[in-house]
Amino acid sequence: MLFWWLCPLASGFDNRVAVTSVLTSGISIMTAIAALSGDASRLGRALALLMMLRAGFFAIRAAWASAIFGPISEAQRAFGFEIVIIEGLWTSVIAGYLLLALLREKRERSLVRLAETDYLTGADNRRSFQMKAQAAWSRVSDRRETTLLMLDLDNFKQINDAFGHAFGDEVLRAFAALVRASIAPGDTFARLGGEEFVIMVPDRDEAAGAQFAETLRARFAEVMLAHRAENASITVSIGIASTRYAENLDRLLAVADEALYRAKANGRNRVECGPRRQTDAASMDGSIAALNLHA
């Protein structure tokens, strides 16, 4: 509108067509980029394709209105106007449908995310961990070892009793934030309940998992010292199990749980790996209580 009001070139119909076509093409390109940003779904890619086609159409129209392809007759202008009307109609219908479908998909994703996320810490909950862990287990092989870390904050009940539940919640959030900042994109981090957490790290053997666990343990101690918790001994015990010790997910959880129990029994604030003896891996049975993931 500023172009029409202020620029002398706006007196020409073809100039106005060229300018508006360039602007429409640019807006369509930006819309396509926005539709592809982040984790674009099939609907997002379809919208991006539609907008790129529209950008190309209006780029050609801008070149045509600029007489690059030769002089324009009145009949050609009328025919071009009809094409623009048809393009605008169909683009509006298709883009409107895609945008409504994208909004619905985004809402559904948000609801699913809420259903699978622990409200306090932002970690996955038991249900989400069960699904992701089963999917990760299906990719396990002799050459793709996976390590599971079972983590439990030490003396957490006493901390709640001494400093209040609000402080306990603050500790849980701080611990979860530390873990989320430390894990890789393909790792699974979940809160199983209370002060107990679990991390599943694909393509990492027990030695690498132990090094990662020790780093987490040390960093958490440092964070708690700076978290106005000088008078509270807030630490974490970690049990580690590798898929080479287990033939299914329940056994893997049982081995990690047994290692965590051993870390607690040996003084807390420490990392323990695997079964008590490597030969125990084949003979461990109901004496180790597997976690009930369906609770």
C-alpha atoms as a PDB file:
ATOM      1  CA  MET A   1       0.000   0.000   0.000  1.00  0.00           C
ATOM      2  CA  LEU A   2       2.909   2.355   0.715  1.00  0.00           C
ATOM      3  CA  PHE A   3       4.240   1.498  -2.739  1.00  0.00           C
ATOM      4  CA  TRP A   4       0.889   2.390  -4.310  1.00  0.00           C
ATOM      5  CA  TRP A   5       0.625   5.659  -2.399  1.00  0.00           C
ATOM      6  CA  LEU A   6       4.202   6.946  -2.547  1.00  0.00           C
ATOM      7  CA  CYS A   7       5.986   5.489  -5.579  1.00  0.00           C
ATOM      8  CA  PRO A   8       5.353   6.921  -9.058  1.00  0.00           C
ATOM      9  CA  LEU A   9       5.886   3.467 -10.568  1.00  0.00           C
ATOM     10  CA  ALA A  10       2.697   2.310  -8.842  1.00  0.00           C
ATOM     11  CA  SER A  11       0.657   4.024 -11.519  1.00  0.00           C
ATOM     12  CA  GLY A  12       1.430   1.127 -13.831  1.00  0.00           C
ATOM     13  CA  PHE A  13      -0.710  -2.010 -13.391  1.00  0.00           C
ATOM     14  CA  ASP A  14       2.124  -4.336 -14.358  1.00  0.00           C
ATOM     15  CA  ASN A  15       4.455  -2.687 -11.830  1.00  0.00           C
ATOM     16  CA  ARG A  16       1.954  -3.283  -9.067  1.00  0.00           C
ATOM     17  CA  VAL A  17       1.594  -6.902 -10.117  1.00  0.00           C
ATOM     18  CA  ALA A  18       5.370  -7.364 -10.129  1.00  0.00           C
ATOM     19  CA  VAL A  19       5.837  -5.839  -6.658  1.00  0.00           C
ATOM     20  CA  THR A  20       2.986  -7.736  -5.006  1.00  0.00           C
ATOM     21  CA  SER A  21       4.161 -10.979  -6.660  1.00  0.00           C
ATOM     22  CA  VAL A  22       7.673 -10.534  -5.287  1.00  0.00           C
ATOM     23  CA  LEU A  23       6.281  -9.884  -1.798  1.00  0.00           C
ATOM     24  CA  THR A  24       3.971 -12.889  -1.997  1.00  0.00           C
ATOM     25  CA  SER A  25       6.820 -15.098  -3.187  1.00  0.00           C
ATOM     26  CA  GLY A  26       9.018 -13.953  -0.290  1.00  0.00           C
ATOM     27  CA  ILE A  27       6.288 -14.537   2.297  1.00  0.00           C
ATOM     28  CA  SER A  28       5.643 -18.000   0.850  1.00  0.00           C
ATOM     29  CA  ILE A  29       9.339 -18.890   1.146  1.00  0.00           C
ATOM     30  CA  MET A  30       9.411 -17.758   4.781  1.00  0.00           C
ATOM     31  CA  THR A  31       6.273 -19.810   5.479  1.00  0.00           C
ATOM     32  CA  ALA A  32       7.916 -22.887   3.933  1.00  0.00           C
ATOM     33  CA  ILE A  33      11.016 -22.413   6.084  1.00  0.00           C
ATOM     34  CA  ALA A  34       8.859 -22.057   9.203  1.00  0.00           C
ATOM     35  CA  ALA A  35       6.934 -25.216   8.311  1.00  0.00           C
ATOM     36  CA  LEU A  36      10.211 -27.156   8.048  1.00  0.00           C
ATOM     37  CA  SER A  37      11.723 -25.795  11.260  1.00  0.00           C
ATOM     38  CA  GLY A  38      12.176 -28.168  14.174  1.00  0.00           C
ATOM     39  CA  ASP A  39      10.861 -31.699  13.900  1.00  0.00           C
ATOM     40  CA  ALA A  40       8.753 -31.274  10.781  1.00  0.00           C
ATOM     41  CA  SER A  41       5.993 -33.835  10.356  1.00  0.00           C
ATOM     42  CA  ARG A  42       4.537 -35.077   7.089  1.00  0.00           C
ATOM     43  CA  LEU A  43       1.931 -32.310   7.269  1.00  0.00           C
ATOM     44  CA  GLY A  44       4.630 -29.717   7.820  1.00  0.00           C
ATOM     45  CA  ARG A  45       6.569 -30.950   4.814  1.00  0.00           C
ATOM     46  CA  ALA A  46       3.386 -30.910   2.714  1.00  0.00           C
ATOM     47  CA  LEU A  47       2.732 -27.292   3.724  1.00  0.00           C
ATOM     48  CA  ALA A  48       6.326 -26.379   2.918  1.00  0.00           C
ATOM     49  CA  LEU A  49       6.010 -27.965  -0.534  1.00  0.00           C
ATOM     50  CA  LEU A  50       2.770 -26.076  -1.189  1.00  0.00           C
ATOM     51  CA  MET A  51       4.368 -22.782  -0.159  1.00  0.00           C
ATOM     52  CA  MET A  52       7.449 -23.384  -2.310  1.00  0.00           C
ATOM     53  CA  LEU A  53       5.227 -24.088  -5.315  1.00  0.00           C
ATOM     54  CA  ARG A  54       3.358 -20.870  -4.562  1.00  0.00           C
ATOM     55  CA  ALA A  55       6.641 -18.966  -4.234  1.00  0.00           C
ATOM     56  CA  GLY A  56       7.741 -20.289  -7.629  1.00  0.00           C
ATOM     57  CA  PHE A  57       4.409 -19.390  -9.204  1.00  0.00           C
ATOM     58  CA  PHE A  58       4.569 -15.795  -7.986  1.00  0.00           C
ATOM     59  CA  ALA A  59       8.249 -15.470  -8.909  1.00  0.00           C
ATOM     60  CA  ILE A  60       7.308 -16.399 -12.498  1.00  0.00           C
ATOM     61  CA  ARG A  61       4.390 -13.987 -12.316  1.00  0.00           C
ATOM     62  CA  ALA A  62       6.696 -11.188 -11.179  1.00  0.00           C
ATOM     63  CA  ALA A  63       9.043 -11.881 -14.090  1.00  0.00           C
ATOM     64  CA  TRP A  64       6.070 -12.031 -16.494  1.00  0.00           C
ATOM     65  CA  ALA A  65       4.660  -8.714 -15.207  1.00  0.00           C
ATOM     66  CA  SER A  66       8.080  -7.122 -15.648  1.00  0.00           C
ATOM     67  CA  ALA A  67       7.855  -7.958 -19.388  1.00  0.00           C
ATOM     68  CA  ILE A  68      10.938 -10.178 -19.219  1.00  0.00           C
ATOM     69  CA  PHE A  69       9.168 -12.652 -21.510  1.00  0.00           C
ATOM     70  CA  GLY A  70       8.033  -9.893 -23.893  1.00  0.00           C
ATOM     71  CA  PRO A  71       5.213  -7.360 -24.165  1.00  0.00           C
ATOM     72  CA  ILE A  72       1.923  -8.203 -22.436  1.00  0.00           C
ATOM     73  CA  SER A  73      -1.381  -7.876 -24.216  1.00  0.00           C
ATOM     74  CA  GLU A  74      -4.712  -7.169 -22.514  1.00  0.00           C
ATOM     75  CA  ALA A  75      -5.878 -10.703 -23.276  1.00  0.00           C
ATOM     76  CA  GLN A  76      -2.773 -12.081 -21.561  1.00  0.00           C
ATOM     77  CA  ARG A  77      -3.398  -9.872 -18.538  1.00  0.00           C
ATOM     78  CA  ALA A  78      -6.974 -11.136 -18.281  1.00  0.00           C
ATOM     79  CA  PHE A  79      -5.861 -14.744 -18.599  1.00  0.00           C
ATOM     80  CA  GLY A  80      -3.128 -14.193 -15.972  1.00  0.00           C
ATOM     81  CA  PHE A  81      -5.699 -12.710 -13.607  1.00  0.00           C
ATOM     82  CA  GLU A  82      -7.892 -15.816 -13.995  1.00  0.00           C
ATOM     83  CA  ILE A  83      -4.927 -18.074 -13.223  1.00  0.00           C
ATOM     84  CA  VAL A  84      -4.163 -16.039 -10.074  1.00  0.00           C
ATOM     85  CA  ILE A  85      -7.790 -16.368  -8.898  1.00  0.00           C
ATOM     86  CA  ILE A  86      -7.724 -20.148  -9.385  1.00  0.00           C
ATOM     87  CA  GLU A  87      -4.318 -20.464  -7.670  1.00  0.00           C
ATOM     88  CA  GLY A  88      -5.459 -18.336  -4.742  1.00  0.00           C
ATOM     89  CA  LEU A  89      -8.636 -20.364  -4.286  1.00  0.00           C
ATOM     90  CA  TRP A  90      -6.967 -23.763  -4.254  1.00  0.00           C
ATOM     91  CA  THR A  91      -3.979 -22.616  -2.212  1.00  0.00           C
ATOM     92  CA  SER A  92      -6.299 -21.112   0.418  1.00  0.00           C
ATOM     93  CA  VAL A  93      -8.322 -24.324   0.666  1.00  0.00           C
ATOM     94  CA  ILE A  94      -5.309 -26.663   0.845  1.00  0.00           C
ATOM     95  CA  ALA A  95      -3.231 -24.409   3.115  1.00  0.00           C
ATOM     96  CA  GLY A  96      -6.204 -23.929   5.447  1.00  0.00           C
ATOM     97  CA  TYR A  97      -6.690 -27.682   5.730  1.00  0.00           C
ATOM     98  CA  LEU A  98      -2.974 -28.274   6.358  1.00  0.00           C
ATOM     99  CA  LEU A  99      -2.775 -25.537   8.995  1.00  0.00           C
ATOM    100  CA  LEU A 100      -5.795 -26.879  10.879  1.00  0.00           C
ATOM    101  CA  ALA A 101      -4.358 -30.401  10.716  1.00  0.00           C
ATOM    102  CA  LEU A 102      -0.996 -29.126  11.978  1.00  0.00           C
ATOM    103  CA  LEU A 103      -2.652 -27.364  14.909  1.00  0.00           C
ATOM    104  CA  ARG A 104      -4.524 -30.561  15.793  1.00  0.00           C
ATOM    105  CA  GLU A 105      -1.349 -32.623  15.507  1.00  0.00           C
ATOM    106  CA  LYS A 106       0.545 -30.163  17.707  1.00  0.00           C
ATOM    107  CA  ARG A 107      -2.203 -30.292  20.340  1.00  0.00           C
ATOM    108  CA  GLU A 108      -2.196 -34.095  20.311  1.00  0.00           C
ATOM    109  CA  ARG A 109       1.587 -34.170  20.644  1.00  0.00           C
ATOM    110  CA  SER A 110       1.353 -31.819  23.623  1.00  0.00           C
ATOM    111  CA  LEU A 111      -1.222 -34.054  25.303  1.00  0.00           C
ATOM    112  CA  VAL A 112       0.890 -37.164  24.688  1.00  0.00           C
ATOM    113  CA  ARG A 113       3.954 -35.381  26.024  1.00  0.00           C
ATOM    114  CA  LEU A 114       2.053 -34.383  29.170  1.00  0.00           C
ATOM    115  CA  ALA A 115       0.886 -37.973  29.649  1.00  0.00           C
ATOM    116  CA  GLU A 116       4.450 -39.294  29.336  1.00  0.00           C
ATOM    117  CA  THR A 117       6.288 -36.665  31.389  1.00  0.00           C
ATOM    118  CA  ASP A 118       6.827 -36.433  35.119  1.00  0.00           C
ATOM    119  CA  TYR A 119       5.286 -33.105  36.082  1.00  0.00           C
ATOM    120  CA  LEU A 120       7.877 -32.218  38.735  1.00  0.00           C
ATOM    121  CA  THR A 121      11.189 -33.012  37.039  1.00  0.00           C
ATOM    122  CA  GLY A 122      10.362 -32.984  33.325  1.00  0.00           C
ATOM    123  CA  ALA A 123      11.830 -36.489  32.953  1.00  0.00           C
ATOM    124  CA  ASP A 124       9.916 -39.310  31.298  1.00  0.00           C
ATOM    125  CA  ASN A 125       7.561 -41.229  33.556  1.00  0.00           C
ATOM    126  CA  ARG A 126       7.330 -45.014  33.978  1.00  0.00           C
ATOM    127  CA  ARG A 127       4.959 -45.460  31.047  1.00  0.00           C
ATOM    128  CA  SER A 128       7.179 -43.540  28.665  1.00  0.00           C
ATOM    129  CA  PHE A 129      10.296 -45.312  29.889  1.00  0.00           C
ATOM    130  CA  GLN A 130       8.699 -48.702  29.342  1.00  0.00           C
ATOM    131  CA  MET A 131       7.944 -47.928  25.697  1.00  0.00           C
ATOM    132  CA  LYS A 132      11.318 -46.340  24.948  1.00  0.00           C
ATOM    133  CA  ALA A 133      13.297 -49.001  26.796  1.00  0.00           C
ATOM    134  CA  GLN A 134      11.517 -51.787  24.927  1.00  0.00           C
ATOM    135  CA  ALA A 135      12.286 -50.042  21.635  1.00  0.00           C
ATOM    136  CA  ALA A 136      15.946 -49.623  22.645  1.00  0.00           C
ATOM    137  CA  TRP A 137      16.133 -53.284  23.685  1.00  0.00           C
ATOM    138  CA  SER A 138      14.923 -54.387  20.250  1.00  0.00           C
ATOM    139  CA  ARG A 139      18.019 -52.743  18.764  1.00  0.00           C
ATOM    140  CA  VAL A 140      20.440 -54.453  21.126  1.00  0.00           C
ATOM    141  CA  SER A 141      22.888 -56.913  19.561  1.00  0.00           C
ATOM    142  CA  ASP A 142      26.315 -58.417  20.260  1.00  0.00           C
ATOM    143  CA  ARG A 143      27.877 -55.400  18.612  1.00  0.00           C
ATOM    144  CA  ARG A 144      25.513 -52.788  20.076  1.00  0.00           C
ATOM    145  CA  GLU A 145      25.820 -52.967  23.832  1.00  0.00           C
ATOM    146  CA  THR A 146      23.436 -50.878  25.911  1.00  0.00           C
ATOM    147  CA  THR A 147      23.971 -49.783  29.494  1.00  0.00           C
ATOM    148  CA  LEU A 148      21.323 -48.980  32.081  1.00  0.00           C
ATOM    149  CA  LEU A 149      21.909 -46.736  35.124  1.00  0.00           C
ATOM    150  CA  MET A 150      19.666 -46.951  38.174  1.00  0.00           C
ATOM    151  CA  LEU A 151      19.981 -43.826  40.342  1.00  0.00           C
ATOM    152  CA  ASP A 152      18.650 -43.132  43.815  1.00  0.00           C
ATOM    153  CA  LEU A 153      19.149 -39.993  45.920  1.00  0.00           C
ATOM    154  CA  ASP A 154      20.630 -40.909  49.298  1.00  0.00           C
ATOM    155  CA  ASN A 155      18.744 -40.299  52.571  1.00  0.00           C
ATOM    156  CA  PHE A 156      16.031 -38.414  50.729  1.00  0.00           C
ATOM    157  CA  LYS A 157      13.335 -39.057  53.343  1.00  0.00           C
ATOM    158  CA  GLN A 158      15.532 -37.554  56.039  1.00  0.00           C
ATOM    159  CA  ILE A 159      16.169 -34.545  53.797  1.00  0.00           C
ATOM    160  CA  ASN A 160      12.424 -34.037  53.342  1.00  0.00           C
ATOM    161  CA  ASP A 161      11.849 -34.377  57.079  1.00  0.00           C
ATOM    162  CA  ALA A 162      14.645 -31.953  57.961  1.00  0.00           C
ATOM    163  CA  PHE A 163      14.180 -29.280  55.280  1.00  0.00           C
ATOM    164  CA  GLY A 164      10.618 -29.746  54.066  1.00  0.00           C
ATOM    165  CA  HIS A 165       9.067 -31.153  50.921  1.00  0.00           C
ATOM    166  CA  ALA A 166       9.514 -27.897  49.021  1.00  0.00           C
ATOM    167  CA  PHE A 167      13.274 -28.196  49.423  1.00  0.00           C
ATOM    168  CA  GLY A 168      13.069 -31.866  48.448  1.00  0.00           C
ATOM    169  CA  ASP A 169      11.223 -30.954  45.260  1.00  0.00           C
ATOM    170  CA  GLU A 170      13.892 -28.355  44.517  1.00  0.00           C
ATOM    171  CA  VAL A 171      16.576 -31.027  44.885  1.00  0.00           C
ATOM    172  CA  LEU A 172      14.717 -33.366  42.522  1.00  0.00           C
ATOM    173  CA  ARG A 173      14.375 -30.639  39.909  1.00  0.00           C
ATOM    174  CA  ALA A 174      18.046 -29.715  40.208  1.00  0.00           C
ATOM    175  CA  PHE A 175      19.093 -33.346  39.817  1.00  0.00           C
ATOM    176  CA  ALA A 176      16.838 -33.843  36.780  1.00  0.00           C
ATOM    177  CA  ALA A 177      18.145 -30.657  35.163  1.00  0.00           C
ATOM    178  CA  LEU A 178      21.725 -31.853  35.657  1.00  0.00           C
ATOM    179  CA  VAL A 179      20.980 -35.231  34.070  1.00  0.00           C
ATOM    180  CA  ARG A 180      19.108 -33.740  31.101  1.00  0.00           C
ATOM    181  CA  ALA A 181      22.050 -31.433  30.427  1.00  0.00           C
ATOM    182  CA  SER A 182      24.464 -34.386  30.530  1.00  0.00           C
ATOM    183  CA  ILE A 183      22.751 -37.110  28.487  1.00  0.00           C
ATOM    184  CA  ALA A 184      22.996 -37.564  24.732  1.00  0.00           C
ATOM    185  CA  PRO A 185      19.985 -37.087  22.403  1.00  0.00           C
ATOM    186  CA  GLY A 186      19.437 -40.837  22.056  1.00  0.00           C
ATOM    187  CA  ASP A 187      19.514 -41.560  25.810  1.00  0.00           C
ATOM    188  CA  THR A 188      16.347 -42.201  27.834  1.00  0.00           C
ATOM    189  CA  PHE A 189      15.960 -40.524  31.239  1.00  0.00           C
ATOM    190  CA  ALA A 190      12.966 -41.287  33.444  1.00  0.00           C
ATOM    191  CA  ARG A 191      11.724 -40.899  36.992  1.00  0.00           C
ATOM    192  CA  LEU A 192      10.477 -44.243  38.258  1.00  0.00           C
ATOM    193  CA  GLY A 193       8.996 -42.782  41.426  1.00  0.00           C
ATOM    194  CA  GLY A 194      10.005 -40.825  44.501  1.00  0.00           C
ATOM    195  CA  GLU A 195      13.750 -40.197  44.376  1.00  0.00           C
ATOM    196  CA  GLU A 196      14.514 -43.081  42.002  1.00  0.00           C
ATOM    197  CA  PHE A 197      15.549 -42.458  38.401  1.00  0.00           C
ATOM    198  CA  VAL A 198      16.819 -44.499  35.488  1.00  0.00           C
ATOM    199  CA  ILE A 199      18.948 -43.725  32.431  1.00  0.00           C
ATOM    200  CA  MET A 200      19.276 -46.001  29.407  1.00  0.00           C
ATOM    201  CA  VAL A 201      22.282 -45.247  27.200  1.00  0.00           C
ATOM    202  CA  PRO A 202      22.435 -47.139  23.888  1.00  0.00           C
ATOM    203  CA  ASP A 203      25.730 -48.007  22.192  1.00  0.00           C
ATOM    204  CA  ARG A 204      27.747 -47.567  25.383  1.00  0.00           C
ATOM    205  CA  ASP A 205      29.480 -50.389  27.238  1.00  0.00           C
ATOM    206  CA  GLU A 206      29.725 -50.815  30.996  1.00  0.00           C
ATOM    207  CA  ALA A 207      33.068 -48.999  31.278  1.00  0.00           C
ATOM    208  CA  ALA A 208      31.752 -45.954  29.426  1.00  0.00           C
ATOM    209  CA  GLY A 209      28.540 -46.089  31.477  1.00  0.00           C
ATOM    210  CA  ALA A 210      30.541 -46.195  34.711  1.00  0.00           C
ATOM    211  CA  GLN A 211      32.580 -43.174  33.656  1.00  0.00           C
ATOM    212  CA  PHE A 212      29.389 -41.296  32.790  1.00  0.00           C
ATOM    213  CA  ALA A 213      27.817 -42.296  36.125  1.00  0.00           C
ATOM    214  CA  GLU A 214      30.843 -41.166  38.104  1.00  0.00           C
ATOM    215  CA  THR A 215      30.757 -37.809  36.332  1.00  0.00           C
ATOM    216  CA  LEU A 216      27.084 -37.409  37.225  1.00  0.00           C
ATOM    217  CA  ARG A 217      27.721 -38.370  40.845  1.00  0.00           C
ATOM    218  CA  ALA A 218      30.534 -35.831  41.233  1.00  0.00           C
ATOM    219  CA  ARG A 219      28.674 -33.036  39.463  1.00  0.00           C
ATOM    220  CA  PHE A 220      25.574 -33.567  41.557  1.00  0.00           C
ATOM    221  CA  ALA A 221      27.619 -33.247  44.750  1.00  0.00           C
ATOM    222  CA  GLU A 222      29.050 -29.966  43.454  1.00  0.00           C
ATOM    223  CA  VAL A 223      25.615 -28.657  42.497  1.00  0.00           C
ATOM    224  CA  MET A 224      24.237 -29.430  45.932  1.00  0.00           C
ATOM    225  CA  LEU A 225      27.092 -27.586  47.628  1.00  0.00           C
ATOM    226  CA  ALA A 226      26.120 -24.480  45.688  1.00  0.00           C
ATOM    227  CA  HIS A 227      22.407 -25.115  46.182  1.00  0.00           C
ATOM    228  CA  ARG A 228      22.224 -23.762  49.748  1.00  0.00           C
ATOM    229  CA  ALA A 229      22.543 -27.330  50.980  1.00  0.00           C
ATOM    230  CA  GLU A 230      25.806 -27.070  52.902  1.00  0.00           C
ATOM    231  CA  ASN A 231      24.248 -28.612  55.992  1.00  0.00           C
ATOM    232  CA  ALA A 232      22.552 -31.426  54.080  1.00  0.00           C
ATOM    233  CA  SER A 233      24.470 -34.388  52.742  1.00  0.00           C
ATOM    234  CA  ILE A 234      22.682 -34.779  49.404  1.00  0.00           C
ATOM    235  CA  THR A 235      24.301 -37.406  47.213  1.00  0.00           C
ATOM    236  CA  VAL A 236      23.317 -40.054  44.688  1.00  0.00           C
ATOM    237  CA  SER A 237      24.022 -43.778  44.503  1.00  0.00           C
ATOM    238  CA  ILE A 238      24.134 -45.431  41.080  1.00  0.00           C
ATOM    239  CA  GLY A 239      23.868 -49.036  39.965  1.00  0.00           C
ATOM    240  CA  ILE A 240      24.940 -50.019  36.460  1.00  0.00           C
ATOM    241  CA  ALA A 241      24.024 -53.004  34.297  1.00  0.00           C
ATOM    242  CA  SER A 242      25.005 -53.863  30.744  1.00  0.00           C
ATOM    243  CA  THR A 243      22.981 -55.879  28.255  1.00  0.00           C
ATOM    244  CA  ARG A 244      25.755 -58.478  28.245  1.00  0.00           C
ATOM    245  CA  TYR A 245      24.504 -59.486  31.712  1.00  0.00           C
ATOM    246  CA  ALA A 246      20.853 -59.955  30.697  1.00  0.00           C
ATOM    247  CA  GLU A 247      18.706 -61.687  28.133  1.00  0.00           C
ATOM    248  CA  ASN A 248      15.700 -59.366  28.525  1.00  0.00           C
ATOM    249  CA  LEU A 249      14.771 -55.955  29.866  1.00  0.00           C
ATOM    250  CA  ASP A 250      13.428 -57.228  33.192  1.00  0.00           C
ATOM    251  CA  ARG A 251      16.730 -58.995  33.918  1.00  0.00           C
ATOM    252  CA  LEU A 252      18.667 -55.862  32.940  1.00  0.00           C
ATOM    253  CA  LEU A 253      16.620 -53.830  35.415  1.00  0.00           C
ATOM    254  CA  ALA A 254      17.134 -56.487  38.073  1.00  0.00           C
ATOM    255  CA  VAL A 255      20.928 -56.446  37.635  1.00  0.00           C
ATOM    256  CA  ALA A 256      20.992 -52.636  37.833  1.00  0.00           C
ATOM    257  CA  ASP A 257      18.741 -52.721  40.904  1.00  0.00           C
ATOM    258  CA  GLU A 258      21.049 -55.213  42.605  1.00  0.00           C
ATOM    259  CA  ALA A 259      24.061 -53.014  41.814  1.00  0.00           C
ATOM    260  CA  LEU A 260      22.220 -49.996  43.252  1.00  0.00           C
ATOM    261  CA  TYR A 261      21.430 -51.941  46.422  1.00  0.00           C
ATOM    262  CA  ARG A 262      25.119 -52.803  46.691  1.00  0.00           C
ATOM    263  CA  ALA A 263      26.065 -49.128  46.313  1.00  0.00           C
ATOM    264  CA  LYS A 264      23.693 -48.274  49.150  1.00  0.00           C
ATOM    265  CA  ALA A 265      25.027 -51.067  51.360  1.00  0.00           C
ATOM    266  CA  ASN A 266      28.654 -50.062  50.739  1.00  0.00           C
ATOM    267  CA  GLY A 267      28.221 -46.534  52.046  1.00  0.00           C
ATOM    268  CA  ARG A 268      26.137 -44.629  49.467  1.00  0.00           C
ATOM    269  CA  ASN A 269      27.397 -41.834  47.195  1.00  0.00           C
ATOM    270  CA  ARG A 270      29.122 -44.351  44.961  1.00  0.00           C
ATOM    271  CA  VAL A 271      28.840 -46.253  41.675  1.00  0.00           C
ATOM    272  CA  GLU A 272      28.572 -50.040  41.466  1.00  0.00           C
ATOM    273  CA  CYS A 273      28.652 -52.074  38.252  1.00  0.00           C
ATOM    274  CA  GLY A 274      27.103 -55.350  37.156  1.00  0.00           C
ATOM    275  CA  PRO A 275      26.204 -58.341  39.316  1.00  0.00           C
ATOM    276  CA  ARG A 276      28.178 -59.114  42.461  1.00  0.00           C
ATOM    277  CA  ARG A 277      30.154 -61.709  40.534  1.00  0.00           C
ATOM    278  CA  GLN A 278      30.167 -62.010  36.784  1.00  0.00           C
ATOM    279  CA  THR A 279      29.156 -65.668  37.075  1.00  0.00           C
ATOM    280  CA  ASP A 280      26.031 -64.569  38.901  1.00  0.00           C
ATOM    281  CA  ALA A 281      24.637 -63.050  35.717  1.00  0.00           C
ATOM    282  CA  ALA A 282      23.419 -66.379  34.400  1.00  0.00           C
ATOM    283  CA  SER A 283      22.063 -67.617  37.740  1.00  0.00           C
ATOM    284  CA  MET A 284      20.185 -64.507  38.947  1.00  0.00           C
ATOM    285  CA  ASP A 285      16.506 -65.312  39.375  1.00  0.00           C
ATOM    286  CA  GLY A 286      13.581 -64.315  41.541  1.00  0.00           C
ATOM    287  CA  SER A 287      15.926 -63.418  44.382  1.00  0.00           C
ATOM    288  CA  ILE A 288      16.328 -60.068  42.654  1.00  0.00           C
ATOM    289  CA  ALA A 289      13.017 -58.252  42.450  1.00  0.00           C
ATOM    290  CA  ALA A 290      12.445 -56.817  38.985  1.00  0.00           C
ATOM    291  CA  LEU A 291      10.836 -53.409  38.733  1.00  0.00           C
ATOM    292  CA  ASN A 292       7.122 -53.507  38.025  1.00  0.00           C
ATOM    293  CA  LEU A 293       6.971 -51.226  35.008  1.00  0.00           C
ATOM    294  CA  HIS A 294       3.245 -51.747  34.606  1.00  0.00           C
ATOM    295  CA  ALA A 295       2.443 -50.111  37.935  1.00  0.00           C
END
